[in-house]
Amino acid sequence: MTATTLDAKTALVVIDLQKGILDLPIIHSGEEIVAKAAELSEAFRAKDLPVVLVRVTGGAPGRTEAGHGGGRPPADWADLVPGLGRQDSDIVVTKQQWGAFYGTDLDLQLRRRGITQIVLLGVATSIGVESTARFASEYGYNVTVVTDAISDMDADSHANSVEKIFPRLGETATTAEIIKLLG
């Protein structure tokens, strides 16, 4: 469902727009995703709405068939990309799992500010973005995913999240539609 409204207390949550993630082979241009994230961040800040920049610095413990990749990432792997225009007022959340809620203070940060809705974007659609959207929905937040500001390493996984999962968790919209709703 295309986004119908934004709550008065809405936060922008930007998932994993960091050097190591954007170096991966994603299906939509990392530069385009960052540009849209910067545009939305600026629009949210102009309305005195919170901008949350999430980065991942590790992975959940335990065995997986995919493994954990091995080796140590480069020192700047988890650095947020400069194109986001990070401000001192932005909330930075560091996670160790796919989603931005588990094991972090994101829920506390949002609730302290009376946030009732999140607008979500970033990489990877079927991993960090979807996991965060699922938790947000379960925690009772209204969820809107910005479909032209997300990307994935796998086109089929991206399409499944956009077409089948996100409409069940909330609403979707483009960058331009969110900016119009911000007024």
Protein backbone atom coordinates (compact mmCIF):
# COMPACT_ATOMS: atom_id res chain seq x y z
CA MET A 1 0.00 0.00 0.00
CA THR A 2 1.36 3.40 -0.90
CA ALA A 3 1.99 5.55 2.16
CA THR A 4 -1.07 7.52 3.19
CA THR A 5 0.29 9.70 5.99
CA LEU A 6 3.20 10.26 8.33
CA ASP A 7 2.65 10.45 12.07
CA ALA A 8 3.60 13.72 13.77
CA LYS A 9 6.33 11.79 15.58
CA THR A 10 8.12 9.94 12.77
CA ALA A 11 11.81 9.02 12.58
CA LEU A 12 13.93 8.22 9.55
CA VAL A 13 15.94 5.02 10.06
CA VAL A 14 18.84 4.47 7.65
CA ILE A 15 20.19 0.91 7.57
CA ASP A 16 23.86 0.02 6.95
CA LEU A 17 24.91 2.75 4.52
CA GLN A 18 28.53 2.14 5.39
CA LYS A 19 31.68 1.60 3.38
CA GLY A 20 31.88 -2.19 3.70
CA ILE A 21 28.24 -2.80 2.80
CA LEU A 22 28.14 -0.40 -0.14
CA ASP A 23 31.25 -2.12 -1.54
CA LEU A 24 29.16 -5.27 -2.04
CA PRO A 25 27.59 -5.98 -5.46
CA ILE A 26 24.10 -4.56 -4.92
CA ILE A 27 21.40 -4.42 -7.60
CA HIS A 28 20.73 -0.66 -7.36
CA SER A 29 23.48 1.95 -7.33
CA GLY A 30 24.92 2.65 -3.89
CA GLU A 31 25.44 6.27 -4.95
CA GLU A 32 21.73 6.59 -5.77
CA ILE A 33 20.68 5.03 -2.46
CA VAL A 34 23.01 7.35 -0.52
CA ALA A 35 21.74 10.40 -2.45
CA LYS A 36 18.13 9.52 -1.61
CA ALA A 37 19.07 8.87 2.02
CA ALA A 38 20.78 12.27 2.20
CA GLU A 39 17.76 13.99 0.63
CA LEU A 40 15.38 12.35 3.11
CA SER A 41 17.72 13.03 6.05
CA GLU A 42 17.81 16.71 5.17
CA ALA A 43 14.01 16.82 4.86
CA PHE A 44 13.52 15.10 8.25
CA ARG A 45 16.04 17.39 9.96
CA ALA A 46 14.29 20.44 8.49
CA LYS A 47 11.11 19.28 10.25
CA ASP A 48 13.02 18.58 13.52
CA LEU A 49 12.34 14.86 13.14
CA PRO A 50 14.99 12.34 14.22
CA VAL A 51 17.40 10.72 11.80
CA VAL A 52 18.81 7.38 12.94
CA LEU A 53 21.94 6.08 11.22
CA VAL A 54 22.44 2.36 11.79
CA ARG A 55 25.66 0.50 11.13
CA VAL A 56 26.67 -3.11 11.61
CA THR A 57 30.01 -4.05 13.12
CA GLY A 58 29.62 -7.78 13.60
CA GLY A 59 27.38 -10.75 13.18
CA ALA A 60 25.24 -12.93 15.35
CA PRO A 61 27.02 -15.90 16.88
CA GLY A 62 26.16 -19.43 15.93
CA ARG A 63 26.57 -21.75 12.98
CA THR A 64 25.00 -21.07 9.62
CA GLU A 65 25.24 -22.92 6.34
CA ALA A 66 26.43 -19.68 4.73
CA GLY A 67 29.26 -19.32 7.24
CA HIS A 68 30.53 -16.02 8.56
CA GLY A 69 32.84 -14.98 5.73
CA GLY A 70 36.04 -15.44 7.74
CA GLY A 71 38.85 -12.95 8.13
CA ARG A 72 38.74 -9.45 9.48
CA PRO A 73 37.10 -6.66 7.53
CA PRO A 74 39.12 -3.54 6.68
CA ALA A 75 39.40 -0.95 9.47
CA ASP A 76 36.92 1.44 7.78
CA TRP A 77 34.37 -1.26 6.89
CA ALA A 78 31.77 0.00 9.40
CA ASP A 79 32.31 3.73 8.72
CA LEU A 80 29.11 5.49 7.67
CA VAL A 81 29.54 6.94 4.18
CA PRO A 82 30.20 10.68 4.15
CA GLY A 83 27.46 11.31 1.56
CA LEU A 84 24.82 10.97 4.29
CA GLY A 85 25.68 14.43 5.63
CA ARG A 86 25.74 13.16 9.21
CA GLN A 87 24.86 15.81 11.81
CA ASP A 88 25.56 15.94 15.54
CA SER A 89 21.81 15.65 16.15
CA ASP A 90 21.63 12.27 14.37
CA ILE A 91 21.25 9.14 16.47
CA VAL A 92 23.85 6.49 15.65
CA VAL A 93 23.04 2.87 16.44
CA THR A 94 25.60 0.10 16.18
CA LYS A 95 24.26 -3.41 15.78
CA GLN A 96 25.70 -6.92 15.74
CA GLN A 97 22.69 -8.64 14.15
CA TRP A 98 20.70 -8.17 10.97
CA GLY A 99 18.02 -5.99 12.51
CA ALA A 100 18.52 -2.63 14.21
CA PHE A 101 16.36 -3.37 17.27
CA TYR A 102 17.75 -6.57 18.83
CA GLY A 103 20.64 -5.90 21.22
CA THR A 104 20.64 -2.12 20.67
CA ASP A 105 19.04 0.90 22.30
CA LEU A 106 17.03 1.84 19.17
CA ASP A 107 13.61 1.13 20.72
CA LEU A 108 14.55 3.14 23.83
CA GLN A 109 15.85 6.05 21.72
CA LEU A 110 12.62 6.15 19.71
CA ARG A 111 10.23 5.75 22.65
CA ARG A 112 11.99 8.51 24.64
CA ARG A 113 11.19 10.83 21.76
CA GLY A 114 7.57 9.65 21.48
CA ILE A 115 8.16 8.18 18.00
CA THR A 116 5.20 6.19 16.65
CA GLN A 117 6.35 5.64 13.05
CA ILE A 118 9.58 4.86 11.26
CA VAL A 119 10.47 5.52 7.64
CA LEU A 120 13.02 2.92 6.67
CA LEU A 121 15.66 2.70 3.94
CA GLY A 122 19.08 1.19 3.28
CA VAL A 123 20.89 -2.02 2.39
CA ALA A 124 20.24 -4.94 2.27
CA THR A 125 16.53 -5.06 1.53
CA SER A 126 16.02 -8.71 2.50
CA ILE A 127 18.38 -8.65 5.47
CA GLY A 128 18.84 -5.49 7.59
CA VAL A 129 15.90 -3.53 6.20
CA GLU A 130 13.41 -6.40 6.36
CA SER A 131 14.54 -7.56 9.79
CA THR A 132 14.25 -4.03 11.18
CA ALA A 133 10.82 -3.59 9.58
CA ARG A 134 9.62 -6.86 11.14
CA PHE A 135 10.78 -5.89 14.63
CA ALA A 136 9.36 -2.36 14.27
CA SER A 137 5.98 -3.81 13.33
CA GLU A 138 6.08 -6.23 16.26
CA TYR A 139 6.98 -3.36 18.63
CA GLY A 140 3.91 -1.45 17.42
CA TYR A 141 5.52 1.21 15.23
CA ASN A 142 3.88 2.25 11.98
CA VAL A 143 6.34 1.24 9.27
CA THR A 144 6.94 2.84 5.88
CA VAL A 145 9.68 1.50 3.59
CA VAL A 146 11.15 3.81 0.94
CA THR A 147 11.22 1.50 -2.08
CA ASP A 148 13.52 3.60 -4.26
CA ALA A 149 16.08 3.93 -1.44
CA ILE A 150 16.73 0.24 -0.72
CA SER A 151 18.91 -2.33 -2.43
CA ASP A 152 20.06 -5.92 -2.08
CA MET A 153 22.68 -8.30 -3.41
CA ASP A 154 19.96 -10.54 -4.87
CA ALA A 155 17.18 -9.28 -7.18
CA ASP A 156 14.74 -12.07 -6.27
CA SER A 157 15.17 -11.49 -2.54
CA HIS A 158 14.73 -7.74 -3.03
CA ALA A 159 11.54 -8.26 -5.05
CA ASN A 160 10.11 -10.69 -2.49
CA SER A 161 10.63 -8.20 0.34
CA VAL A 162 9.17 -5.26 -1.62
CA GLU A 163 6.23 -7.13 -3.14
CA LYS A 164 5.28 -9.66 -0.45
CA ILE A 165 6.73 -8.75 2.95
CA PHE A 166 6.70 -4.95 3.29
CA PRO A 167 3.02 -4.56 2.34
CA ARG A 168 2.18 -6.92 5.22
CA LEU A 169 4.27 -4.94 7.70
CA GLY A 170 3.21 -1.42 6.77
CA GLU A 171 3.21 0.91 3.80
CA THR A 172 5.68 1.69 1.04
CA ALA A 173 6.52 4.92 -0.74
CA THR A 174 9.14 6.60 -2.89
CA THR A 175 11.49 9.31 -1.73
CA ALA A 176 9.40 11.95 -3.51
CA GLU A 177 6.19 10.66 -1.88
CA ILE A 178 7.74 10.81 1.61
CA ILE A 179 9.00 14.35 1.04
CA LYS A 180 5.52 15.39 -0.14
CA LEU A 181 3.96 13.83 2.99
CA LEU A 182 6.45 15.74 5.16
CA GLY A 183 4.95 18.91 3.69
